Amino acid sequence: MRSLNKPTLIGSAVLAAMGSLAMVSTAQAKDVIVKIGHIAPLSGPQAHYGKDNEQGARLAIDDLNAMKIQLDGGTAKFELVAEDDAADPKTGAIVAQKLCDMKVNGIVGHLNSGTTVPASRIYHDCGIPQITPSATTPKITKQGFDSVFRVIAHDGVLGVALAKFATADLKAKKFVVIDDRTGYGQPLADIFAKQVQAGGGQVLERQYTNDKATDFAAILTSVKAKNPDVIFYGGMDAQAGPMLRQMKQLGIKAKLIGGDGICTTELSKLGGDNVGDNVMCAEGGMALSKMPGGPAFEKRYKDKFKSDIQVYAPFVYDATMTMGMAMKEAKSADPKKYLPKLKAISYKGVIGTISFDENGDVKNAPVTVNTYGAKGKTPLTIIQ
């Protein structure tokens, strides 16, 4: 009996071992790790933007994982690789190369135009698709890279819309234009100034600062002597806030107008009691309250992070989801396989339907002009 049963027992043991190996193999095959790089300033004066962006990306990562997407023979497990570029182009390039060396599957970022432009070439050269949710200089998508996309209106759209609003709606005639000399602020100011002049307005003076400045006494003293109707500032809220305080101290009555860089909830804190209907700003998209999925997204965001949305979190969320949906359609996280799907995608997101033109810019991007009142930022009009 023993001799007859021994082969059977051995066979059973072999089959059991093979079954165990199969179970291990199956378990291993269940998770396909998909790394999405997200880059923004997480330190310095723009850290509140960067954290806002990162949190938008994390919400999307949670939702993608909940979908149990099947990629490359298994279930995708999306992971966010968050990096700090400190809003510095050199740091941004170093981080970009680091993510290339890590062979991440896609990039959502950078936040700033100045960091996005040099980084975009690095990602293109190493074959990683990139979607920027917030960098607005037209240069990004005019480099001829077929792997670079944007889900927000660029400065060519924003600057023109703001200039038309200032001259046609506000009936402003005299302007002073100030910018921070960054890859974002300077081109936006240039576009605004050119369009104002085309619309019959007069640019009395161009002034320049930098994205680290907080003292604008010399600039504003010169501006006060010109008595403009409007001061346009091309830059971020970390400078616009102190500028507004100092405008009040000097008795300057001009309205301050800027792009999406100053269009934050933080501006009300930074600018103190000189932030009201004298401040107007444009966002490259619908106001949060007007976005198709805006109110629901805002509730989820506040419930999870216990903070208000600054500006770009919905755009970051949609950029991350759009990339994930392209992978889903391709059934692969391999950039070469999902890039064609990304080019052709039509995704209904929080901000609206996302599809891209031949340059990689989002189609039909609206612009919302906002002002500030007792309840904070309030949409005035939508230009499309």
Protein backbone atom coordinates (compact mmCIF):
# COMPACT_ATOMS: atom_id res chain seq x y z
CA MET A 1 0.00 0.00 0.00
CA ARG A 2 2.81 2.38 0.86
CA SER A 3 4.67 1.67 -2.37
CA LEU A 4 1.48 2.20 -4.40
CA ASN A 5 0.64 5.48 -2.61
CA LYS A 6 4.13 7.02 -2.66
CA PRO A 7 4.02 8.25 -6.30
CA THR A 8 0.53 9.58 -5.69
CA LEU A 9 1.69 11.46 -2.61
CA ILE A 10 4.71 12.83 -4.48
CA GLY A 11 2.52 13.85 -7.38
CA SER A 12 0.11 15.58 -5.06
CA ALA A 13 2.96 17.45 -3.40
CA VAL A 14 4.29 18.56 -6.79
CA LEU A 15 0.84 19.70 -7.88
CA ALA A 16 0.37 21.56 -4.58
CA ALA A 17 3.73 23.27 -4.99
CA MET A 18 2.90 24.21 -8.56
CA GLY A 19 -0.44 25.57 -7.38
CA SER A 20 1.30 27.66 -4.75
CA LEU A 21 3.70 29.03 -7.35
CA ALA A 22 0.79 29.80 -9.63
CA MET A 23 -0.94 31.64 -6.81
CA VAL A 24 2.22 33.68 -6.12
CA SER A 25 2.58 34.42 -9.82
CA THR A 26 -1.06 35.45 -10.08
CA ALA A 27 -0.75 37.66 -7.00
CA GLN A 28 2.32 39.29 -8.48
CA ALA A 29 0.58 39.80 -11.80
CA LYS A 30 -2.40 41.50 -10.17
CA ASP A 31 -0.58 44.78 -9.53
CA VAL A 32 0.99 46.73 -12.38
CA ILE A 33 2.75 49.73 -10.85
CA VAL A 34 2.11 52.95 -12.76
CA LYS A 35 4.15 55.95 -11.62
CA ILE A 36 2.86 59.45 -12.35
CA GLY A 37 5.32 62.24 -11.66
CA HIS A 38 3.93 65.48 -10.26
CA ILE A 39 6.15 68.55 -9.98
CA ALA A 40 5.38 71.91 -8.40
CA PRO A 41 6.91 74.32 -5.88
CA LEU A 42 6.43 72.71 -2.48
CA SER A 43 8.76 75.17 -0.78
CA GLY A 44 9.17 78.93 -0.96
CA PRO A 45 6.56 81.67 -1.52
CA GLN A 46 4.61 79.63 -4.08
CA ALA A 47 4.28 76.51 -1.92
CA HIS A 48 0.54 77.06 -1.41
CA TYR A 49 0.05 76.67 -5.16
CA GLY A 50 2.22 73.57 -5.24
CA LYS A 51 0.43 71.86 -2.36
CA ASP A 52 -2.93 72.69 -3.93
CA ASN A 53 -1.79 71.10 -7.20
CA GLU A 54 -0.40 68.02 -5.49
CA GLN A 55 -3.63 67.46 -3.59
CA GLY A 56 -5.61 67.63 -6.82
CA ALA A 57 -3.33 64.95 -8.24
CA ARG A 58 -3.73 62.75 -5.15
CA LEU A 59 -7.52 62.82 -5.49
CA ALA A 60 -7.16 61.61 -9.07
CA ILE A 61 -4.73 58.86 -8.08
CA ASP A 62 -7.27 57.64 -5.51
CA ASP A 63 -10.01 57.58 -8.14
CA LEU A 64 -7.88 55.82 -10.74
CA ASN A 65 -6.97 53.11 -8.25
CA ALA A 66 -10.63 52.66 -7.31
CA MET A 67 -11.41 51.91 -10.96
CA LYS A 68 -9.20 48.76 -10.99
CA ILE A 69 -8.01 49.52 -14.52
CA GLN A 70 -6.52 46.56 -16.40
CA LEU A 71 -3.16 47.42 -17.95
CA ASP A 72 -0.40 45.27 -19.38
CA GLY A 73 -1.88 42.03 -18.07
CA GLY A 74 -2.76 43.13 -14.56
CA THR A 75 -4.55 45.67 -12.38
CA ALA A 76 -2.98 49.09 -12.42
CA LYS A 77 -1.76 50.45 -9.11
CA PHE A 78 -1.19 54.17 -9.64
CA GLU A 79 1.43 55.90 -7.52
CA LEU A 80 2.16 59.63 -7.35
CA VAL A 81 5.82 60.61 -7.35
CA ALA A 82 5.71 64.17 -6.00
CA GLU A 83 8.75 66.42 -6.45
CA ASP A 84 9.56 70.00 -5.46
CA ASP A 85 11.04 72.31 -8.11
CA ALA A 86 10.84 75.42 -5.87
CA ALA A 87 9.59 77.37 -8.95
CA ASP A 88 13.22 77.41 -10.11
CA PRO A 89 14.05 76.44 -13.73
CA LYS A 90 17.40 74.85 -12.83
CA THR A 91 15.87 72.77 -10.05
CA GLY A 92 13.03 71.88 -12.39
CA ALA A 93 15.47 70.51 -14.96
CA ILE A 94 17.25 68.42 -12.31
CA VAL A 95 13.94 66.99 -11.10
CA ALA A 96 12.87 66.28 -14.69
CA GLN A 97 16.00 64.23 -15.31
CA LYS A 98 15.49 62.38 -12.03
CA LEU A 99 11.98 61.35 -13.10
CA CYS A 100 13.28 60.28 -16.51
CA ASP A 101 15.90 58.12 -14.81
CA MET A 102 13.13 56.61 -12.66
CA LYS A 103 11.24 55.78 -15.87
CA VAL A 104 7.95 57.17 -14.62
CA ASN A 105 5.03 56.49 -16.94
CA GLY A 106 3.79 60.06 -17.25
CA ILE A 107 4.20 63.61 -15.99
CA VAL A 108 1.60 66.03 -14.63
CA GLY A 109 3.30 69.40 -14.20
CA HIS A 110 5.14 71.63 -13.82
CA LEU A 111 3.16 74.46 -12.26
CA ASN A 112 5.16 77.41 -13.60
CA SER A 113 5.95 78.30 -17.19
CA GLY A 114 9.57 79.05 -16.33
CA THR A 115 10.14 75.52 -15.04
CA THR A 116 7.93 73.78 -17.59
CA VAL A 117 9.72 75.00 -20.71
CA PRO A 118 13.19 73.54 -19.93
CA ALA A 119 11.71 70.42 -18.33
CA SER A 120 9.47 69.70 -21.32
CA ARG A 121 12.46 69.11 -23.58
CA ILE A 122 13.92 66.63 -21.10
CA TYR A 123 10.66 64.67 -20.89
CA HIS A 124 10.29 64.72 -24.66
CA ASP A 125 13.83 63.45 -25.19
CA CYS A 126 13.28 60.54 -22.80
CA GLY A 127 9.88 59.71 -24.28
CA ILE A 128 7.56 60.54 -21.37
CA PRO A 129 4.22 62.29 -22.10
CA GLN A 130 3.60 65.45 -20.09
CA ILE A 131 0.41 67.37 -19.29
CA THR A 132 0.78 70.74 -17.63
CA PRO A 133 -2.27 71.85 -15.65
CA SER A 134 -1.20 75.42 -15.04
CA ALA A 135 1.82 76.62 -17.08
CA THR A 136 0.40 79.11 -19.55
CA THR A 137 3.16 80.52 -21.76
CA PRO A 138 2.31 79.76 -25.44
CA LYS A 139 5.92 78.66 -25.97
CA ILE A 140 5.34 75.31 -24.24
CA THR A 141 3.17 73.86 -26.99
CA LYS A 142 4.95 75.66 -29.84
CA GLN A 143 8.19 73.71 -29.51
CA GLY A 144 7.07 70.96 -31.87
CA PHE A 145 6.96 68.26 -29.18
CA ASP A 146 4.17 65.77 -29.82
CA SER A 147 4.16 64.56 -26.21
CA VAL A 148 3.40 67.86 -24.43
CA PHE A 149 -0.18 68.86 -23.55
CA ARG A 150 -1.99 71.57 -21.59
CA VAL A 151 -5.48 71.60 -20.01
CA ILE A 152 -5.73 75.36 -19.32
CA ALA A 153 -6.00 78.41 -21.59
CA HIS A 154 -2.59 79.83 -22.51
CA ASP A 155 -1.44 83.44 -22.08
CA GLY A 156 -2.29 84.35 -25.66
CA VAL A 157 -5.93 83.76 -24.74
CA LEU A 158 -5.72 85.19 -21.19
CA GLY A 159 -3.80 88.36 -22.08
CA VAL A 160 -6.09 89.22 -24.97
CA ALA A 161 -9.23 88.57 -22.90
CA LEU A 162 -8.01 90.77 -20.03
CA ALA A 163 -7.01 93.61 -22.33
CA LYS A 164 -10.36 93.56 -24.12
CA PHE A 165 -12.16 93.52 -20.77
CA ALA A 166 -10.12 96.43 -19.44
CA THR A 167 -10.60 98.64 -22.48
CA ALA A 168 -14.15 97.66 -23.51
CA ASP A 169 -15.86 96.89 -20.17
CA LEU A 170 -13.93 99.07 -17.74
CA LYS A 171 -13.39 101.83 -20.34
CA ALA A 172 -9.84 102.24 -19.02
CA LYS A 173 -7.56 104.48 -21.09
CA LYS A 174 -4.28 104.75 -19.19
CA PHE A 175 -2.24 101.71 -18.13
CA VAL A 176 1.00 100.89 -16.32
CA VAL A 177 2.31 97.37 -16.92
CA ILE A 178 4.56 95.60 -14.40
CA ASP A 179 5.94 92.07 -14.63
CA ASP A 180 8.21 89.76 -12.65
CA ARG A 181 10.56 88.85 -15.54
CA THR A 182 9.64 85.16 -15.30
CA GLY A 183 8.68 82.84 -18.14
CA TYR A 184 5.08 83.36 -17.06
CA GLY A 185 4.81 87.00 -16.06
CA GLN A 186 6.76 88.71 -18.82
CA PRO A 187 5.04 87.10 -21.85
CA LEU A 188 1.61 87.64 -20.28
CA ALA A 189 2.41 91.32 -19.68
CA ASP A 190 3.75 91.68 -23.23
CA ILE A 191 0.55 90.22 -24.72
CA PHE A 192 -1.64 92.42 -22.50
CA ALA A 193 0.28 95.60 -23.37
CA LYS A 194 0.20 94.87 -27.10
CA GLN A 195 -3.55 94.19 -27.05
CA VAL A 196 -4.30 97.28 -24.94
CA GLN A 197 -2.51 99.46 -27.48
CA ALA A 198 -4.35 97.76 -30.33
CA GLY A 199 -7.61 98.57 -28.53
CA GLY A 200 -6.78 102.27 -28.24
CA GLY A 201 -5.38 102.26 -24.70
CA GLN A 202 -2.15 103.97 -23.70
CA VAL A 203 0.67 102.15 -21.88
CA LEU A 204 2.25 104.96 -19.89
CA GLU A 205 5.09 102.92 -18.42
CA ARG A 206 6.62 99.44 -18.24
CA GLN A 207 8.14 98.42 -14.91
CA TYR A 208 9.93 95.25 -13.81
CA THR A 209 10.44 93.38 -10.57
CA ASN A 210 11.22 89.73 -9.71
CA ASP A 211 9.38 86.78 -8.24
CA LYS A 212 11.09 87.13 -4.85
CA ALA A 213 10.40 90.84 -4.28
CA THR A 214 8.16 92.24 -1.53
CA ASP A 215 9.10 95.94 -1.57
CA PHE A 216 7.58 97.92 -4.44
CA ALA A 217 7.91 101.45 -3.02
CA ALA A 218 10.20 102.75 -5.78
CA ILE A 219 8.09 101.28 -8.58
CA LEU A 220 4.79 102.43 -7.12
CA THR A 221 6.06 105.96 -6.39
CA SER A 222 6.87 106.28 -10.08
CA VAL A 223 3.50 104.73 -11.00
CA LYS A 224 1.56 107.16 -8.77
CA ALA A 225 2.99 110.12 -10.69
CA LYS A 226 1.53 108.67 -13.92
CA ASN A 227 -2.00 108.42 -12.44
CA PRO A 228 -3.07 105.33 -14.44
CA ASP A 229 -6.57 103.87 -14.56
CA VAL A 230 -5.18 100.34 -14.37
CA ILE A 231 -2.00 98.68 -13.15
CA PHE A 232 -1.46 95.34 -14.83
CA TYR A 233 0.76 92.89 -12.96
CA GLY A 234 2.20 89.84 -14.69
CA GLY A 235 3.26 87.56 -11.83
CA MET A 236 2.04 85.67 -8.79
CA ASP A 237 0.06 86.49 -5.66
CA ALA A 238 3.14 86.49 -3.41
CA GLN A 239 4.09 89.81 -5.04
CA ALA A 240 0.60 91.10 -5.92
CA GLY A 241 -0.47 90.95 -2.24
CA PRO A 242 2.26 93.21 -0.86
CA MET A 243 1.90 95.42 -3.94
CA LEU A 244 -1.77 95.99 -3.10
CA ARG A 245 -0.95 96.89 0.51
CA GLN A 246 1.67 99.39 -0.65
CA MET A 247 -0.69 100.85 -3.28
CA LYS A 248 -3.10 101.70 -0.46
CA GLN A 249 -0.33 103.22 1.65
CA LEU A 250 0.63 105.50 -1.24
CA GLY A 251 -2.98 106.40 -2.02
CA ILE A 252 -2.98 104.85 -5.50
CA LYS A 253 -6.58 104.44 -6.68
CA ALA A 254 -5.90 102.45 -9.87
CA LYS A 255 -7.38 99.01 -10.31
CA LEU A 256 -4.95 96.09 -10.23
CA ILE A 257 -5.46 93.51 -12.96
CA GLY A 258 -3.56 90.25 -13.45
CA GLY A 259 -3.70 86.73 -14.78
CA ASP A 260 -4.33 83.42 -13.08
CA GLY A 261 -1.15 83.82 -11.03
CA ILE A 262 -2.89 86.32 -8.75
CA CYS A 263 -6.32 84.67 -8.99
CA THR A 264 -6.13 82.82 -5.67
CA THR A 265 -7.96 82.69 -2.37
CA GLU A 266 -4.60 83.48 -0.75
CA LEU A 267 -4.57 86.95 -2.34
CA SER A 268 -7.20 88.17 0.11
CA LYS A 269 -4.83 87.33 2.99
CA LEU A 270 -1.71 88.68 1.29
CA GLY A 271 -3.31 91.92 0.12
CA GLY A 272 -5.22 92.69 3.31
CA ASP A 273 -8.09 95.17 3.20
CA ASN A 274 -7.04 96.53 -0.20
CA VAL A 275 -8.43 93.45 -1.96
CA GLY A 276 -11.94 94.09 -3.26
CA ASP A 277 -13.60 95.23 -6.46
CA ASN A 278 -10.43 97.16 -7.29
CA VAL A 279 -8.75 93.82 -8.10
CA MET A 280 -9.55 91.78 -11.19
CA CYS A 281 -7.94 88.64 -12.48
CA ALA A 282 -8.47 86.06 -15.21
CA GLU A 283 -8.47 82.28 -14.99
CA GLY A 284 -7.88 80.04 -17.97
CA GLY A 285 -11.10 78.11 -17.52
CA MET A 286 -14.50 78.30 -15.88
CA ALA A 287 -14.80 79.57 -12.32
CA LEU A 288 -14.94 76.65 -9.90
CA SER A 289 -18.65 77.24 -9.23
CA LYS A 290 -19.38 77.14 -12.98
CA MET A 291 -17.35 74.04 -13.85
CA PRO A 292 -19.49 70.99 -14.70
CA GLY A 293 -18.00 69.07 -11.79
CA GLY A 294 -16.79 72.04 -9.77
CA PRO A 295 -19.11 72.09 -6.73
CA ALA A 296 -18.85 68.31 -6.19
CA PHE A 297 -15.07 68.44 -6.58
CA GLU A 298 -14.79 71.35 -4.15
CA LYS A 299 -16.75 69.43 -1.52
CA ARG A 300 -14.56 66.32 -1.90
CA TYR A 301 -11.42 68.43 -1.76
CA LYS A 302 -12.46 70.29 1.39
CA ASP A 303 -13.64 67.11 3.10
CA LYS A 304 -10.32 65.37 2.45
CA PHE A 305 -7.78 68.17 2.88
CA LYS A 306 -9.63 70.61 5.20
CA SER A 307 -8.56 73.57 3.07
CA ASP A 308 -9.83 75.76 0.25
CA ILE A 309 -8.85 75.26 -3.37
CA GLN A 310 -6.37 77.90 -4.51
CA VAL A 311 -6.66 77.80 -8.33
CA TYR A 312 -5.38 74.79 -10.19
CA ALA A 313 -6.41 71.68 -8.23
CA PRO A 314 -9.34 70.86 -10.58
CA PHE A 315 -7.04 71.21 -13.61
CA VAL A 316 -4.44 68.93 -12.01
CA TYR A 317 -7.12 66.39 -11.17
CA ASP A 318 -8.36 66.37 -14.76
CA ALA A 319 -4.84 66.24 -16.21
CA THR A 320 -4.07 63.16 -14.10
CA MET A 321 -7.39 61.51 -14.95
CA THR A 322 -6.97 62.27 -18.65
CA MET A 323 -3.59 60.55 -18.65
CA GLY A 324 -5.06 57.56 -16.79
CA MET A 325 -7.95 57.28 -19.26
CA ALA A 326 -5.53 57.31 -22.20
CA MET A 327 -3.69 54.42 -20.57
CA LYS A 328 -6.99 52.62 -20.03
CA GLU A 329 -7.92 53.00 -23.70
CA ALA A 330 -4.50 51.73 -24.74
CA LYS A 331 -4.62 48.94 -22.12
CA SER A 332 -1.04 49.91 -21.35
CA ALA A 333 1.03 52.38 -19.33
CA ASP A 334 3.79 52.20 -21.94
CA PRO A 335 4.19 55.80 -23.20
CA LYS A 336 4.60 54.66 -26.81
CA LYS A 337 1.29 52.80 -26.63
CA TYR A 338 -0.87 55.31 -24.78
CA LEU A 339 0.45 58.52 -26.41
CA PRO A 340 -1.72 58.09 -29.55
CA LYS A 341 -4.77 57.65 -27.31
CA LEU A 342 -3.86 60.81 -25.39
CA LYS A 343 -3.66 62.83 -28.61
CA ALA A 344 -7.13 61.66 -29.66
CA ILE A 345 -8.84 61.64 -26.25
CA SER A 346 -12.16 63.23 -25.33
CA TYR A 347 -12.59 63.11 -21.57
CA LYS A 348 -15.44 64.66 -19.61
CA GLY A 349 -13.76 66.05 -16.53
CA VAL A 350 -14.39 68.43 -13.66
CA ILE A 351 -13.45 71.47 -15.76
CA GLY A 352 -15.36 70.33 -18.87
CA THR A 353 -14.60 68.15 -21.89
CA ILE A 354 -10.88 67.78 -22.51
CA SER A 355 -9.55 67.20 -25.99
CA PHE A 356 -6.41 68.58 -27.58
CA ASP A 357 -5.62 70.45 -30.77
CA GLU A 358 -2.68 69.71 -33.06
CA ASN A 359 -0.30 71.60 -30.74
CA GLY A 360 -1.45 69.85 -27.56
CA ASP A 361 -3.51 72.76 -26.22
CA VAL A 362 -6.96 72.08 -24.81
CA LYS A 363 -9.69 72.97 -27.28
CA ASN A 364 -12.26 75.73 -26.66
CA ALA A 365 -10.75 76.92 -23.38
CA PRO A 366 -12.88 79.64 -21.75
CA VAL A 367 -11.52 82.55 -19.70
CA THR A 368 -13.23 83.79 -16.53
CA VAL A 369 -12.65 87.33 -15.30
CA ASN A 370 -13.04 87.58 -11.52
CA THR A 371 -13.13 90.29 -8.92
CA TYR A 372 -12.95 90.18 -5.12
CA GLY A 373 -15.69 91.11 -2.68
CA ALA A 374 -16.81 90.40 0.87
CA LYS A 375 -17.05 86.68 0.08
CA GLY A 376 -13.72 86.47 -1.71
CA LYS A 377 -13.15 85.76 -5.39
CA THR A 378 -16.29 86.20 -7.49
CA PRO A 379 -16.70 85.54 -11.24
CA LEU A 380 -17.69 88.61 -13.25
CA THR A 381 -17.86 87.29 -16.78
CA ILE A 382 -16.88 84.32 -18.94
CA ILE A 383 -15.16 84.93 -22.28
CA GLN A 384 -15.02 82.10 -24.81
